[in-house]
Amino acid sequence: GSTHVLIDIPVGPTAKVRSLDQARALENLLCQVAGEMGIEVKTLISDGTQPVGFGMGPALEARDVVAVLRNSKEAPADLRDRALSLAGLVLELSPDVPEGQGKALAQEILNNGTAWQKFRNICMAQGGIREIPIASHTHQILSSEQGSVEMIDNRKIARIAKLAGAPQDAVAGLDLHVKLGSNIEIGDPLYTLHTASAGELDYVKGYIEEGNHIIQIGKK
């Protein structure tokens, strides 16, 4: 029954869409299909060179989302900005919102608490708000190098999160502590593994110890 759809197309060397040319081709196909179905489509070709937010996995991602909605100081700045950009484009699908003004309106809705209250209402309509669960087993992966973060492998992050038990185990996944360009010293935490059992944690650690590193560090 949808009449208007916004589609985010992240582009990056380890994203599902690898190049701008591929993104443009996909964008054209989506618009063609939508036109045949009588649906108005707007697309956003966004930065997919690294994950948005800190957490990868149901509970960790939920934590980040709630932090943004509550205007918490701990909220990931990149997730907040991406959410505002997407929400702004959705609002601009309405004839009442002029082009280019949607993001400012979205920011007002977030800042004044309306977005958080609406989220609470949605949760209550689906059975109530529950505490976000926390993993019983965690392990930090520390840097063995000094330098700056040059690349973050999205595909290996997804693989590690799945090996940890996500999304079947809501608490499973990993928590990033760095972004592209972050300056790193030897011993700094790069990310933290989260699992529901000790066995899964050992399994993921073994995968990483085989050389499956998700963060590439270059000299400063």
N, C-alpha and C. Protein backbone atom coordinates (compact mmCIF):
# COMPACT_ATOMS: atom_id res chain seq x y z
N GLY A 1 0.78 -1.21 0.00
CA GLY A 1 0.00 0.00 0.00
C GLY A 1 0.83 1.28 0.00
N SER A 2 2.15 1.15 0.02
CA SER A 2 3.01 2.34 0.05
C SER A 2 2.90 3.12 -1.25
N THR A 3 2.90 4.44 -1.13
CA THR A 3 2.86 5.31 -2.32
C THR A 3 4.17 6.07 -2.50
N HIS A 4 4.96 6.22 -1.42
CA HIS A 4 6.23 6.93 -1.46
C HIS A 4 7.28 6.10 -0.72
N VAL A 5 8.46 5.98 -1.30
CA VAL A 5 9.51 5.14 -0.72
C VAL A 5 10.85 5.87 -0.81
N LEU A 6 11.61 5.83 0.28
CA LEU A 6 12.98 6.34 0.30
C LEU A 6 13.93 5.15 0.43
N ILE A 7 14.94 5.10 -0.43
CA ILE A 7 15.90 4.00 -0.41
C ILE A 7 17.31 4.55 -0.24
N ASP A 8 17.99 4.09 0.81
CA ASP A 8 19.37 4.47 1.08
C ASP A 8 20.28 3.46 0.39
N ILE A 9 21.26 3.96 -0.39
CA ILE A 9 22.20 3.09 -1.10
C ILE A 9 23.62 3.42 -0.64
N PRO A 10 24.11 2.75 0.42
CA PRO A 10 25.49 3.00 0.86
C PRO A 10 26.50 2.45 -0.15
N VAL A 11 27.55 3.21 -0.42
CA VAL A 11 28.56 2.81 -1.41
C VAL A 11 29.93 2.81 -0.74
N GLY A 12 30.68 1.73 -0.94
CA GLY A 12 32.01 1.64 -0.38
C GLY A 12 32.69 0.36 -0.84
N PRO A 13 34.01 0.27 -0.67
CA PRO A 13 34.75 -0.90 -1.17
C PRO A 13 34.36 -2.22 -0.53
N THR A 14 33.79 -2.19 0.69
CA THR A 14 33.33 -3.43 1.33
C THR A 14 31.84 -3.38 1.63
N ALA A 15 31.12 -2.46 0.98
CA ALA A 15 29.66 -2.41 1.10
C ALA A 15 29.05 -3.32 0.04
N LYS A 16 27.73 -3.50 0.07
CA LYS A 16 27.07 -4.34 -0.93
C LYS A 16 27.19 -3.72 -2.32
N VAL A 17 27.15 -2.38 -2.38
CA VAL A 17 27.34 -1.66 -3.63
C VAL A 17 28.73 -1.05 -3.59
N ARG A 18 29.60 -1.44 -4.54
CA ARG A 18 31.02 -1.11 -4.43
C ARG A 18 31.41 0.22 -5.07
N SER A 19 30.66 0.69 -6.07
CA SER A 19 31.08 1.89 -6.79
C SER A 19 29.90 2.80 -7.07
N LEU A 20 30.22 4.06 -7.40
CA LEU A 20 29.18 5.04 -7.72
C LEU A 20 28.44 4.64 -8.99
N ASP A 21 29.17 4.06 -9.97
CA ASP A 21 28.51 3.61 -11.20
C ASP A 21 27.48 2.52 -10.90
N GLN A 22 27.84 1.58 -10.03
CA GLN A 22 26.89 0.53 -9.64
C GLN A 22 25.68 1.13 -8.93
N ALA A 23 25.94 2.13 -8.09
CA ALA A 23 24.85 2.77 -7.35
C ALA A 23 23.90 3.49 -8.30
N ARG A 24 24.45 4.19 -9.29
CA ARG A 24 23.60 4.89 -10.27
C ARG A 24 22.78 3.90 -11.08
N ALA A 25 23.39 2.78 -11.46
CA ALA A 25 22.66 1.77 -12.22
C ALA A 25 21.52 1.19 -11.39
N LEU A 26 21.79 0.89 -10.12
CA LEU A 26 20.75 0.36 -9.23
C LEU A 26 19.65 1.40 -9.02
N GLU A 27 20.05 2.65 -8.85
CA GLU A 27 19.10 3.74 -8.67
C GLU A 27 18.14 3.83 -9.87
N ASN A 28 18.69 3.75 -11.08
CA ASN A 28 17.86 3.81 -12.29
C ASN A 28 16.87 2.65 -12.35
N LEU A 29 17.35 1.45 -12.01
CA LEU A 29 16.47 0.27 -12.04
C LEU A 29 15.34 0.41 -11.01
N LEU A 30 15.68 0.86 -9.81
CA LEU A 30 14.67 1.03 -8.76
C LEU A 30 13.61 2.04 -9.19
N CYS A 31 14.04 3.13 -9.80
CA CYS A 31 13.10 4.15 -10.24
C CYS A 31 12.21 3.64 -11.38
N GLN A 32 12.78 2.84 -12.27
CA GLN A 32 11.99 2.26 -13.36
C GLN A 32 10.90 1.34 -12.82
N VAL A 33 11.30 0.46 -11.90
CA VAL A 33 10.33 -0.48 -11.30
C VAL A 33 9.25 0.28 -10.54
N ALA A 34 9.67 1.27 -9.77
CA ALA A 34 8.72 2.07 -8.98
C ALA A 34 7.74 2.80 -9.90
N GLY A 35 8.26 3.31 -11.02
CA GLY A 35 7.39 4.01 -11.97
C GLY A 35 6.32 3.10 -12.53
N GLU A 36 6.70 1.86 -12.82
CA GLU A 36 5.72 0.88 -13.34
C GLU A 36 4.66 0.55 -12.29
N MET A 37 5.02 0.67 -11.02
CA MET A 37 4.10 0.34 -9.93
C MET A 37 3.34 1.55 -9.41
N GLY A 38 3.63 2.71 -9.96
CA GLY A 38 2.95 3.91 -9.51
C GLY A 38 3.42 4.41 -8.16
N ILE A 39 4.67 4.10 -7.81
CA ILE A 39 5.23 4.52 -6.52
C ILE A 39 6.27 5.61 -6.76
N GLU A 40 6.22 6.65 -5.95
CA GLU A 40 7.23 7.70 -6.02
C GLU A 40 8.42 7.30 -5.17
N VAL A 41 9.60 7.26 -5.80
CA VAL A 41 10.81 6.81 -5.11
C VAL A 41 11.83 7.94 -5.07
N LYS A 42 12.46 8.09 -3.91
CA LYS A 42 13.60 8.98 -3.75
C LYS A 42 14.74 8.14 -3.22
N THR A 43 15.95 8.37 -3.75
CA THR A 43 17.11 7.60 -3.30
C THR A 43 18.16 8.53 -2.70
N LEU A 44 18.97 7.95 -1.81
CA LEU A 44 20.12 8.65 -1.24
C LEU A 44 21.32 7.75 -1.40
N ILE A 45 22.30 8.19 -2.18
CA ILE A 45 23.56 7.46 -2.31
C ILE A 45 24.48 7.99 -1.22
N SER A 46 24.76 7.13 -0.24
CA SER A 46 25.45 7.57 0.98
C SER A 46 26.81 6.89 1.13
N ASP A 47 27.55 7.34 2.14
CA ASP A 47 28.88 6.83 2.43
C ASP A 47 28.79 5.47 3.11
N GLY A 48 29.30 4.44 2.43
CA GLY A 48 29.29 3.09 2.98
C GLY A 48 30.68 2.56 3.24
N THR A 49 31.65 3.48 3.44
CA THR A 49 33.02 3.04 3.65
C THR A 49 33.26 2.48 5.04
N GLN A 50 32.32 2.72 5.97
CA GLN A 50 32.44 2.19 7.32
C GLN A 50 31.03 2.07 7.92
N PRO A 51 30.87 1.28 8.97
CA PRO A 51 29.56 1.16 9.61
C PRO A 51 29.10 2.49 10.20
N VAL A 52 27.80 2.66 10.26
CA VAL A 52 27.22 3.85 10.90
C VAL A 52 26.83 3.46 12.32
N GLY A 53 27.29 4.22 13.31
CA GLY A 53 27.06 3.88 14.70
C GLY A 53 28.20 3.05 15.24
N PHE A 54 28.05 2.60 16.48
CA PHE A 54 29.08 1.82 17.15
C PHE A 54 28.77 0.32 17.15
N GLY A 55 27.52 -0.03 17.39
CA GLY A 55 27.14 -1.42 17.60
C GLY A 55 26.72 -2.14 16.34
N MET A 56 27.07 -3.43 16.25
CA MET A 56 26.63 -4.33 15.18
C MET A 56 26.00 -5.55 15.84
N GLY A 57 24.72 -5.70 15.71
CA GLY A 57 23.97 -6.75 16.40
C GLY A 57 22.71 -6.12 16.99
N PRO A 58 21.63 -6.90 17.12
CA PRO A 58 20.32 -6.34 17.50
C PRO A 58 20.34 -5.45 18.74
N ALA A 59 20.85 -5.95 19.86
CA ALA A 59 20.80 -5.17 21.10
C ALA A 59 21.73 -3.96 21.04
N LEU A 60 22.90 -4.14 20.46
CA LEU A 60 23.87 -3.04 20.38
C LEU A 60 23.37 -1.94 19.45
N GLU A 61 22.74 -2.33 18.35
CA GLU A 61 22.18 -1.34 17.44
C GLU A 61 20.99 -0.63 18.09
N ALA A 62 20.18 -1.38 18.82
CA ALA A 62 19.04 -0.77 19.53
C ALA A 62 19.53 0.25 20.55
N ARG A 63 20.61 -0.08 21.24
CA ARG A 63 21.21 0.86 22.20
C ARG A 63 21.59 2.17 21.53
N ASP A 64 22.22 2.07 20.36
CA ASP A 64 22.63 3.28 19.63
C ASP A 64 21.42 4.10 19.19
N VAL A 65 20.40 3.41 18.68
CA VAL A 65 19.20 4.10 18.20
C VAL A 65 18.51 4.84 19.34
N VAL A 66 18.36 4.17 20.48
CA VAL A 66 17.71 4.80 21.62
C VAL A 66 18.53 6.00 22.11
N ALA A 67 19.85 5.88 22.07
CA ALA A 67 20.70 7.00 22.48
C ALA A 67 20.47 8.22 21.59
N VAL A 68 20.31 7.99 20.30
CA VAL A 68 20.02 9.09 19.37
C VAL A 68 18.66 9.69 19.67
N LEU A 69 17.65 8.84 19.83
CA LEU A 69 16.29 9.33 20.07
C LEU A 69 16.19 10.12 21.37
N ARG A 70 16.98 9.74 22.36
CA ARG A 70 16.94 10.42 23.65
C ARG A 70 17.91 11.60 23.74
N ASN A 71 18.57 11.91 22.61
CA ASN A 71 19.53 13.01 22.58
C ASN A 71 20.64 12.83 23.63
N SER A 72 21.06 11.59 23.80
CA SER A 72 22.10 11.28 24.78
C SER A 72 23.47 11.73 24.28
N LYS A 73 24.33 12.12 25.21
CA LYS A 73 25.70 12.50 24.86
C LYS A 73 26.47 11.31 24.29
N GLU A 74 26.06 10.09 24.64
CA GLU A 74 26.75 8.89 24.16
C GLU A 74 26.30 8.47 22.77
N ALA A 75 25.33 9.16 22.20
CA ALA A 75 24.79 8.78 20.89
C ALA A 75 25.86 8.94 19.80
N PRO A 76 25.99 7.97 18.89
CA PRO A 76 26.95 8.09 17.80
C PRO A 76 26.57 9.27 16.89
N ALA A 77 27.51 10.18 16.68
CA ALA A 77 27.23 11.37 15.88
C ALA A 77 26.91 11.02 14.43
N ASP A 78 27.59 10.00 13.89
CA ASP A 78 27.33 9.66 12.49
C ASP A 78 25.95 9.03 12.31
N LEU A 79 25.49 8.26 13.29
CA LEU A 79 24.16 7.68 13.21
C LEU A 79 23.09 8.76 13.31
N ARG A 80 23.31 9.70 14.21
CA ARG A 80 22.37 10.82 14.35
C ARG A 80 22.26 11.60 13.04
N ASP A 81 23.41 11.89 12.42
CA ASP A 81 23.39 12.67 11.19
C ASP A 81 22.73 11.90 10.05
N ARG A 82 23.03 10.60 9.94
CA ARG A 82 22.41 9.79 8.86
C ARG A 82 20.90 9.70 9.08
N ALA A 83 20.48 9.52 10.33
CA ALA A 83 19.05 9.43 10.63
C ALA A 83 18.34 10.74 10.27
N LEU A 84 18.97 11.86 10.61
CA LEU A 84 18.36 13.16 10.29
C LEU A 84 18.28 13.38 8.78
N SER A 85 19.32 12.97 8.06
CA SER A 85 19.31 13.12 6.60
C SER A 85 18.18 12.30 5.97
N LEU A 86 18.05 11.04 6.42
CA LEU A 86 17.01 10.17 5.86
C LEU A 86 15.62 10.65 6.27
N ALA A 87 15.47 11.02 7.54
CA ALA A 87 14.16 11.51 8.00
C ALA A 87 13.77 12.78 7.26
N GLY A 88 14.77 13.64 7.01
CA GLY A 88 14.50 14.87 6.28
C GLY A 88 14.00 14.61 4.87
N LEU A 89 14.59 13.63 4.20
CA LEU A 89 14.14 13.28 2.84
C LEU A 89 12.74 12.68 2.86
N VAL A 90 12.45 11.89 3.89
CA VAL A 90 11.09 11.34 4.02
C VAL A 90 10.08 12.48 4.19
N LEU A 91 10.40 13.44 5.05
CA LEU A 91 9.50 14.57 5.28
C LEU A 91 9.29 15.38 4.00
N GLU A 92 10.33 15.47 3.17
CA GLU A 92 10.21 16.23 1.92
C GLU A 92 9.36 15.52 0.86
N LEU A 93 9.02 14.26 1.12
CA LEU A 93 8.07 13.58 0.23
C LEU A 93 6.67 14.18 0.38
N SER A 94 6.45 14.91 1.48
CA SER A 94 5.17 15.60 1.69
C SER A 94 5.19 16.93 0.94
N PRO A 95 4.08 17.29 0.29
CA PRO A 95 4.02 18.59 -0.39
C PRO A 95 4.08 19.78 0.56
N ASP A 96 3.90 19.53 1.85
CA ASP A 96 3.92 20.60 2.84
C ASP A 96 5.34 20.98 3.29
N VAL A 97 6.34 20.16 2.90
CA VAL A 97 7.71 20.42 3.32
C VAL A 97 8.56 20.77 2.09
N PRO A 98 9.01 22.02 1.96
CA PRO A 98 9.82 22.43 0.80
C PRO A 98 11.13 21.65 0.72
N GLU A 99 11.61 21.43 -0.48
CA GLU A 99 12.87 20.73 -0.69
C GLU A 99 14.01 21.49 -0.01
N GLY A 100 14.84 20.74 0.70
CA GLY A 100 15.96 21.34 1.39
C GLY A 100 15.69 21.73 2.83
N GLN A 101 14.42 21.63 3.26
CA GLN A 101 14.08 22.02 4.63
C GLN A 101 13.74 20.83 5.52
N GLY A 102 13.74 19.64 4.95
CA GLY A 102 13.34 18.46 5.71
C GLY A 102 14.26 18.13 6.86
N LYS A 103 15.58 18.24 6.65
CA LYS A 103 16.53 17.87 7.70
C LYS A 103 16.40 18.79 8.91
N ALA A 104 16.21 20.08 8.66
CA ALA A 104 16.05 21.02 9.77
C ALA A 104 14.79 20.70 10.57
N LEU A 105 13.73 20.33 9.86
CA LEU A 105 12.48 19.96 10.55
C LEU A 105 12.67 18.68 11.35
N ALA A 106 13.39 17.71 10.77
CA ALA A 106 13.67 16.46 11.48
C ALA A 106 14.49 16.73 12.73
N GLN A 107 15.45 17.62 12.63
CA GLN A 107 16.29 17.95 13.78
C GLN A 107 15.46 18.60 14.89
N GLU A 108 14.52 19.44 14.52
CA GLU A 108 13.64 20.06 15.52
C GLU A 108 12.79 19.00 16.23
N ILE A 109 12.28 18.05 15.46
CA ILE A 109 11.44 16.98 16.02
C ILE A 109 12.26 16.11 16.97
N LEU A 110 13.53 15.88 16.62
CA LEU A 110 14.41 15.09 17.49
C LEU A 110 14.78 15.87 18.74
N ASN A 111 15.18 17.12 18.57
CA ASN A 111 15.67 17.92 19.69
C ASN A 111 14.60 18.21 20.74
N ASN A 112 13.35 18.39 20.30
CA ASN A 112 12.30 18.76 21.27
C ASN A 112 11.64 17.55 21.94
N GLY A 113 12.13 16.34 21.63
CA GLY A 113 11.63 15.14 22.30
C GLY A 113 10.45 14.48 21.64
N THR A 114 9.93 15.06 20.56
CA THR A 114 8.77 14.47 19.88
C THR A 114 9.10 13.10 19.31
N ALA A 115 10.30 12.95 18.73
CA ALA A 115 10.68 11.66 18.14
C ALA A 115 10.76 10.57 19.20
N TRP A 116 11.34 10.89 20.36
CA TRP A 116 11.45 9.91 21.45
C TRP A 116 10.06 9.51 21.96
N GLN A 117 9.16 10.48 22.09
CA GLN A 117 7.82 10.18 22.57
C GLN A 117 7.07 9.31 21.57
N LYS A 118 7.22 9.60 20.28
CA LYS A 118 6.56 8.78 19.26
C LYS A 118 7.12 7.36 19.28
N PHE A 119 8.41 7.22 19.46
CA PHE A 119 9.01 5.89 19.55
C PHE A 119 8.43 5.13 20.74
N ARG A 120 8.30 5.81 21.88
CA ARG A 120 7.71 5.19 23.06
C ARG A 120 6.28 4.74 22.79
N ASN A 121 5.52 5.56 22.08
CA ASN A 121 4.14 5.21 21.75
C ASN A 121 4.08 3.96 20.87
N ILE A 122 5.00 3.90 19.91
CA ILE A 122 5.05 2.72 19.02
C ILE A 122 5.37 1.46 19.83
N CYS A 123 6.34 1.59 20.76
CA CYS A 123 6.70 0.44 21.61
C CYS A 123 5.52 0.00 22.47
N MET A 124 4.81 0.96 23.08
CA MET A 124 3.68 0.63 23.93
C MET A 124 2.58 -0.07 23.14
N ALA A 125 2.39 0.34 21.89
CA ALA A 125 1.36 -0.28 21.04
C ALA A 125 1.72 -1.72 20.69
N GLN A 126 3.02 -2.07 20.84
CA GLN A 126 3.47 -3.42 20.50
C GLN A 126 3.83 -4.24 21.74
N GLY A 127 3.35 -3.80 22.90
CA GLY A 127 3.54 -4.61 24.10
C GLY A 127 4.37 -3.98 25.19
N GLY A 128 4.91 -2.79 24.96
CA GLY A 128 5.65 -2.11 26.01
C GLY A 128 7.13 -1.99 25.73
N ILE A 129 7.80 -1.20 26.57
CA ILE A 129 9.24 -0.97 26.43
C ILE A 129 9.98 -1.89 27.39
N ARG A 130 10.95 -2.61 26.87
CA ARG A 130 11.75 -3.52 27.69
C ARG A 130 13.19 -3.01 27.75
N GLU A 131 13.89 -3.45 28.78
CA GLU A 131 15.31 -3.11 28.89
C GLU A 131 16.09 -3.80 27.78
N ILE A 132 17.06 -3.10 27.23
CA ILE A 132 17.90 -3.70 26.19
C ILE A 132 18.85 -4.70 26.86
N PRO A 133 18.84 -5.95 26.41
CA PRO A 133 19.67 -6.97 27.07
C PRO A 133 21.16 -6.74 26.85
N ILE A 134 21.96 -7.26 27.78
CA ILE A 134 23.42 -7.11 27.74
C ILE A 134 24.05 -8.50 27.67
N ALA A 135 25.09 -8.64 26.87
CA ALA A 135 25.78 -9.92 26.71
C ALA A 135 26.47 -10.34 28.00
N SER A 136 26.45 -11.62 28.26
CA SER A 136 27.11 -12.14 29.46
C SER A 136 28.59 -12.38 29.23
N HIS A 137 29.04 -12.38 27.97
CA HIS A 137 30.46 -12.61 27.66
C HIS A 137 30.94 -11.54 26.68
N THR A 138 32.02 -10.86 27.03
CA THR A 138 32.61 -9.84 26.17
C THR A 138 34.13 -10.00 26.13
N HIS A 139 34.73 -9.49 25.08
CA HIS A 139 36.19 -9.55 24.95
C HIS A 139 36.65 -8.43 24.05
N GLN A 140 37.62 -7.63 24.53
CA GLN A 140 38.15 -6.53 23.73
C GLN A 140 39.27 -7.01 22.81
N ILE A 141 39.23 -6.53 21.57
CA ILE A 141 40.33 -6.75 20.63
C ILE A 141 41.18 -5.48 20.63
N LEU A 142 42.47 -5.64 20.98
CA LEU A 142 43.38 -4.50 21.14
C LEU A 142 44.30 -4.37 19.93
N SER A 143 44.74 -3.16 19.68
CA SER A 143 45.63 -2.91 18.55
C SER A 143 47.05 -3.35 18.86
N SER A 144 47.68 -3.99 17.90
CA SER A 144 49.10 -4.36 18.02
C SER A 144 49.97 -3.38 17.24
N GLU A 145 49.33 -2.33 16.69
CA GLU A 145 50.06 -1.38 15.86
C GLU A 145 49.76 0.05 16.31
N GLN A 146 50.62 0.96 15.88
CA GLN A 146 50.42 2.39 16.09
C GLN A 146 50.21 3.05 14.73
N GLY A 147 49.27 3.99 14.66
CA GLY A 147 49.01 4.67 13.40
C GLY A 147 47.61 5.23 13.36
N SER A 148 47.02 5.25 12.18
CA SER A 148 45.65 5.73 12.03
C SER A 148 44.83 4.73 11.22
N VAL A 149 43.53 4.68 11.48
CA VAL A 149 42.65 3.71 10.83
C VAL A 149 42.46 4.11 9.36
N GLU A 150 42.88 3.21 8.45
CA GLU A 150 42.79 3.47 7.01
C GLU A 150 41.59 2.79 6.37
N MET A 151 41.18 1.64 6.91
CA MET A 151 40.06 0.91 6.32
C MET A 151 39.36 0.09 7.39
N ILE A 152 38.03 -0.02 7.26
CA ILE A 152 37.22 -0.88 8.11
C ILE A 152 36.42 -1.78 7.19
N ASP A 153 36.58 -3.09 7.35
CA ASP A 153 35.97 -4.07 6.45
C ASP A 153 34.55 -4.41 6.91
N ASN A 154 33.56 -3.86 6.21
CA ASN A 154 32.16 -4.10 6.57
C ASN A 154 31.77 -5.56 6.44
N ARG A 155 32.28 -6.22 5.44
CA ARG A 155 31.90 -7.62 5.21
C ARG A 155 32.42 -8.53 6.32
N LYS A 156 33.64 -8.29 6.76
CA LYS A 156 34.18 -9.12 7.86
C LYS A 156 33.49 -8.79 9.18
N ILE A 157 33.07 -7.53 9.34
CA ILE A 157 32.30 -7.17 10.53
C ILE A 157 31.01 -7.98 10.56
N ALA A 158 30.33 -8.04 9.41
CA ALA A 158 29.08 -8.80 9.34
C ALA A 158 29.34 -10.28 9.64
N ARG A 159 30.45 -10.80 9.13
CA ARG A 159 30.80 -12.20 9.36
C ARG A 159 31.06 -12.48 10.84
N ILE A 160 31.82 -11.59 11.49
CA ILE A 160 32.13 -11.76 12.91
C ILE A 160 30.86 -11.66 13.75
N ALA A 161 29.99 -10.72 13.42
CA ALA A 161 28.73 -10.58 14.16
C ALA A 161 27.89 -11.85 14.06
N LYS A 162 27.87 -12.45 12.88
CA LYS A 162 27.10 -13.70 12.70
C LYS A 162 27.74 -14.85 13.47
N LEU A 163 29.07 -14.92 13.44
CA LEU A 163 29.75 -15.98 14.18
C LEU A 163 29.53 -15.83 15.69
N ALA A 164 29.37 -14.58 16.12
CA ALA A 164 29.11 -14.33 17.54
C ALA A 164 27.70 -14.75 17.95
N GLY A 165 26.82 -14.95 16.96
CA GLY A 165 25.46 -15.39 17.25
C GLY A 165 24.36 -14.47 16.78
N ALA A 166 24.73 -13.29 16.24
CA ALA A 166 23.71 -12.36 15.75
C ALA A 166 23.17 -12.83 14.39
N PRO A 167 21.91 -12.57 14.07
CA PRO A 167 20.94 -11.86 14.91
C PRO A 167 20.08 -12.77 15.78
N GLN A 168 20.32 -14.11 15.72
CA GLN A 168 19.50 -15.02 16.53
C GLN A 168 19.62 -14.71 18.01
N ASP A 169 20.86 -14.49 18.47
CA ASP A 169 21.07 -14.03 19.85
C ASP A 169 21.07 -12.51 19.84
N ALA A 170 20.08 -11.92 20.46
CA ALA A 170 19.94 -10.46 20.41
C ALA A 170 21.14 -9.73 20.98
N VAL A 171 21.80 -10.33 21.97
CA VAL A 171 22.92 -9.64 22.64
C VAL A 171 24.22 -9.75 21.85
N ALA A 172 24.26 -10.62 20.86
CA ALA A 172 25.51 -10.93 20.16
C ALA A 172 25.88 -9.85 19.15
N GLY A 173 27.19 -9.73 18.89
CA GLY A 173 27.67 -8.80 17.89
C GLY A 173 29.00 -8.21 18.30
N LEU A 174 29.27 -7.01 17.84
CA LEU A 174 30.50 -6.33 18.23
C LEU A 174 30.27 -4.83 18.33
N ASP A 175 31.10 -4.20 19.12
CA ASP A 175 31.00 -2.77 19.42
C ASP A 175 32.28 -2.10 18.95
N LEU A 176 32.20 -1.25 17.92
CA LEU A 176 33.37 -0.56 17.39
C LEU A 176 33.78 0.58 18.32
N HIS A 177 35.09 0.77 18.47
CA HIS A 177 35.60 1.88 19.28
C HIS A 177 36.38 2.89 18.45
N VAL A 178 36.48 2.63 17.14
CA VAL A 178 37.25 3.53 16.28
C VAL A 178 36.46 3.81 15.00
N LYS A 179 36.87 4.88 14.31
CA LYS A 179 36.32 5.24 13.02
C LYS A 179 37.48 5.50 12.06
N LEU A 180 37.18 5.64 10.77
CA LEU A 180 38.22 5.98 9.81
C LEU A 180 38.91 7.27 10.23
N GLY A 181 40.24 7.23 10.22
CA GLY A 181 41.00 8.40 10.60
C GLY A 181 41.37 8.46 12.08
N SER A 182 40.81 7.56 12.89
CA SER A 182 41.13 7.56 14.32
C SER A 182 42.62 7.27 14.52
N ASN A 183 43.25 8.02 15.43
CA ASN A 183 44.65 7.78 15.78
C ASN A 183 44.72 6.67 16.83
N ILE A 184 45.60 5.70 16.59
CA ILE A 184 45.66 4.49 17.41
C ILE A 184 47.05 4.31 17.99
N GLU A 185 47.09 3.93 19.27
CA GLU A 185 48.34 3.54 19.91
C GLU A 185 48.30 2.03 20.18
N ILE A 186 49.46 1.44 20.35
CA ILE A 186 49.51 0.01 20.66
C ILE A 186 48.78 -0.24 21.98
N GLY A 187 47.89 -1.23 21.98
CA GLY A 187 47.12 -1.55 23.17
C GLY A 187 45.77 -0.88 23.24
N ASP A 188 45.48 0.06 22.31
CA ASP A 188 44.17 0.70 22.30
C ASP A 188 43.09 -0.30 21.89
N PRO A 189 41.89 -0.23 22.50
CA PRO A 189 40.81 -1.12 22.09
C PRO A 189 40.26 -0.73 20.72
N LEU A 190 40.14 -1.69 19.83
CA LEU A 190 39.58 -1.47 18.50
C LEU A 190 38.09 -1.76 18.47
N TYR A 191 37.72 -2.90 19.06
CA TYR A 191 36.30 -3.26 19.17
C TYR A 191 36.14 -4.32 20.24
N THR A 192 34.91 -4.49 20.69
CA THR A 192 34.59 -5.46 21.73
C THR A 192 33.62 -6.49 21.19
N LEU A 193 33.93 -7.75 21.38
CA LEU A 193 33.03 -8.85 20.99
C LEU A 193 31.99 -9.07 22.08
N HIS A 194 30.76 -9.38 21.68
CA HIS A 194 29.67 -9.67 22.61
C HIS A 194 29.03 -11.00 22.20
N THR A 195 28.95 -11.93 23.14
CA THR A 195 28.31 -13.21 22.87
C THR A 195 27.45 -13.65 24.06
N ALA A 196 26.56 -14.60 23.78
CA ALA A 196 25.69 -15.13 24.83
C ALA A 196 26.33 -16.30 25.56
N SER A 197 27.41 -16.87 24.98
CA SER A 197 28.05 -18.03 25.63
C SER A 197 29.56 -17.95 25.47
N ALA A 198 30.27 -18.64 26.36
CA ALA A 198 31.72 -18.67 26.31
C ALA A 198 32.20 -19.40 25.05
N GLY A 199 31.48 -20.43 24.65
CA GLY A 199 31.85 -21.19 23.47
C GLY A 199 31.83 -20.34 22.20
N GLU A 200 30.78 -19.53 22.05
CA GLU A 200 30.70 -18.65 20.88
C GLU A 200 31.82 -17.62 20.90
N LEU A 201 32.15 -17.13 22.08
CA LEU A 201 33.22 -16.15 22.19
C LEU A 201 34.55 -16.77 21.75
N ASP A 202 34.84 -17.98 22.19
CA ASP A 202 36.07 -18.66 21.79
C ASP A 202 36.10 -18.90 20.28
N TYR A 203 34.93 -19.22 19.72
CA TYR A 203 34.82 -19.49 18.29
C TYR A 203 35.18 -18.25 17.49
N VAL A 204 34.63 -17.11 17.90
CA VAL A 204 34.90 -15.85 17.18
C VAL A 204 36.36 -15.44 17.36
N LYS A 205 36.90 -15.58 18.57
CA LYS A 205 38.30 -15.22 18.81
C LYS A 205 39.22 -16.07 17.92
N GLY A 206 38.88 -17.33 17.75
CA GLY A 206 39.66 -18.20 16.87
C GLY A 206 39.65 -17.71 15.43
N TYR A 207 38.49 -17.27 14.97
CA TYR A 207 38.36 -16.75 13.61
C TYR A 207 39.25 -15.52 13.42
N ILE A 208 39.28 -14.63 14.42
CA ILE A 208 40.09 -13.41 14.33
C ILE A 208 41.57 -13.75 14.40
N GLU A 209 41.92 -14.71 15.25
CA GLU A 209 43.33 -15.11 15.38
C GLU A 209 43.88 -15.76 14.12
N GLU A 210 43.00 -16.21 13.24
CA GLU A 210 43.43 -16.76 11.95
C GLU A 210 43.85 -15.68 10.97
N GLY A 211 43.72 -14.41 11.38
CA GLY A 211 44.14 -13.31 10.52
C GLY A 211 42.99 -12.55 9.88
N ASN A 212 41.78 -12.80 10.33
CA ASN A 212 40.61 -12.12 9.77
C ASN A 212 40.39 -10.79 10.49
N HIS A 213 41.23 -9.83 10.15
CA HIS A 213 41.18 -8.52 10.81
C HIS A 213 40.22 -7.60 10.06
N ILE A 214 39.45 -6.84 10.81
CA ILE A 214 38.47 -5.95 10.18
C ILE A 214 38.96 -4.51 10.09
N ILE A 215 40.05 -4.20 10.78
CA ILE A 215 40.55 -2.82 10.81
C ILE A 215 41.98 -2.78 10.29
N GLN A 216 42.22 -1.92 9.30
CA GLN A 216 43.56 -1.76 8.74
C GLN A 216 44.13 -0.45 9.25
N ILE A 217 45.31 -0.54 9.85
CA ILE A 217 45.97 0.63 10.43
C ILE A 217 47.21 0.96 9.63
N GLY A 218 47.33 2.25 9.26
CA GLY A 218 48.50 2.73 8.53
C GLY A 218 49.32 3.66 9.40
N LYS A 219 50.51 3.96 8.95
CA LYS A 219 51.39 4.86 9.69
C LYS A 219 50.79 6.26 9.71
N LYS A 220 50.98 7.00 10.82
CA LYS A 220 50.49 8.35 10.92
C LYS A 220 51.19 9.24 9.89
